[in-house]
Protein backbone atom coordinates (compact mmCIF):
# COMPACT_ATOMS: atom_id res chain seq x y z
CA MET A 1 0.00 0.00 0.00
CA LYS A 2 1.20 3.49 -0.82
CA THR A 3 0.34 6.58 1.18
CA GLY A 4 0.54 10.05 -0.25
CA ALA A 5 -1.01 13.47 -0.55
CA GLN A 6 -4.60 13.70 -1.79
CA LEU A 7 -4.68 16.93 -3.80
CA TYR A 8 -8.36 17.63 -3.17
CA THR A 9 -7.27 18.87 0.25
CA ILE A 10 -5.29 21.68 -1.40
CA LYS A 11 -7.60 22.29 -4.37
CA SER A 12 -7.41 26.07 -3.94
CA TYR A 13 -3.69 25.84 -4.67
CA THR A 14 -3.85 23.62 -7.79
CA GLN A 15 -5.96 25.68 -10.18
CA ASN A 16 -3.23 26.99 -12.49
CA VAL A 17 0.21 25.84 -13.61
CA LYS A 18 2.15 28.23 -11.36
CA ASP A 19 0.23 27.32 -8.20
CA PHE A 20 0.22 23.61 -9.04
CA ALA A 21 4.01 23.62 -9.53
CA CYS A 22 4.56 25.50 -6.26
CA SER A 23 2.25 23.13 -4.39
CA MET A 24 3.95 20.00 -5.76
CA LYS A 25 7.33 21.40 -4.75
CA LYS A 26 6.07 21.98 -1.20
CA ILE A 27 4.46 18.53 -1.02
CA ALA A 28 7.74 16.92 -2.10
CA GLU A 29 9.67 19.01 0.43
CA MET A 30 7.35 17.66 3.17
CA GLY A 31 8.57 14.19 2.26
CA TYR A 32 5.64 12.86 0.25
CA LYS A 33 6.56 10.50 -2.58
CA THR A 34 3.09 9.94 -4.11
CA VAL A 35 -0.01 12.02 -4.87
CA GLN A 36 -3.60 11.48 -5.93
CA ILE A 37 -4.61 13.93 -8.64
CA SER A 38 -7.99 15.45 -7.81
CA ALA A 39 -9.73 18.82 -8.25
CA VAL A 40 -6.95 20.43 -10.29
CA GLY A 41 -7.67 23.38 -12.58
CA LYS A 42 -9.37 22.61 -15.87
CA ASP A 43 -6.67 24.51 -17.80
CA LEU A 44 -3.92 22.16 -16.58
CA LYS A 45 -3.03 19.67 -19.28
CA PRO A 46 -2.30 16.10 -18.19
CA GLU A 47 1.18 16.35 -19.70
CA GLN A 48 1.89 19.44 -17.56
CA ILE A 49 0.68 17.65 -14.43
CA ARG A 50 2.88 14.66 -15.16
CA GLU A 51 5.92 16.81 -15.97
CA ILE A 52 5.59 18.86 -12.79
CA CYS A 53 5.12 15.78 -10.60
CA ASP A 54 8.07 14.04 -12.25
CA ALA A 55 10.25 17.13 -11.75
CA ASN A 56 9.45 16.99 -8.04
CA GLY A 57 9.98 13.25 -7.68
CA LEU A 58 6.28 12.62 -7.07
CA GLU A 59 4.63 9.45 -8.33
CA ILE A 60 0.98 9.81 -9.34
CA ALA A 61 -0.62 6.84 -7.61
CA LEU A 62 -4.27 7.62 -8.34
CA THR A 63 -6.55 10.00 -10.15
CA HIS A 64 -10.06 11.01 -9.20
CA SER A 65 -12.50 11.66 -12.01
CA ASP A 66 -16.10 12.90 -11.88
CA PRO A 67 -18.52 9.98 -12.61
CA MET A 68 -20.50 12.03 -15.14
CA ILE A 69 -17.35 12.76 -17.09
CA LEU A 70 -16.51 9.08 -17.06
CA LYS A 71 -19.99 8.22 -18.26
CA HIS A 72 -19.99 10.66 -21.17
CA LEU A 73 -16.32 11.05 -22.01
CA LEU A 74 -14.76 7.69 -21.20
CA ARG A 75 -12.34 7.66 -24.11
CA SER A 76 -10.90 11.08 -23.35
CA MET A 77 -10.62 10.26 -19.65
CA ILE A 78 -8.71 7.08 -20.40
CA SER A 79 -6.39 9.09 -22.61
CA TRP A 80 -6.00 11.76 -19.88
CA ASP A 81 -5.22 9.18 -17.19
CA ALA A 82 -2.90 7.27 -19.54
CA ALA A 83 -0.88 10.43 -20.16
CA ILE A 84 -0.55 11.14 -16.45
CA LEU A 85 0.08 7.58 -15.30
CA ASP A 86 2.24 6.58 -18.28
CA LEU A 87 0.02 3.57 -19.09
CA GLU A 88 1.06 3.25 -22.71
């Protein structure tokens, strides 16, 4: 089992690239090694999220996606998660 930071708890600080990068740096400095991606800004691209987490030595262990998005946009969500989690 892996424990890590659940980003929903800091959602106010993950709404744009600058804040997300700053927050991931601080999370890594606290000693966390993994994160769950949740409630990040809609303008953040999955590739940006992955790059920032990688740069801070943070493994993305989970993602949290809205059930309605999954219902209606399953293909794009799989692509989004695949880009973040490197599932290819």
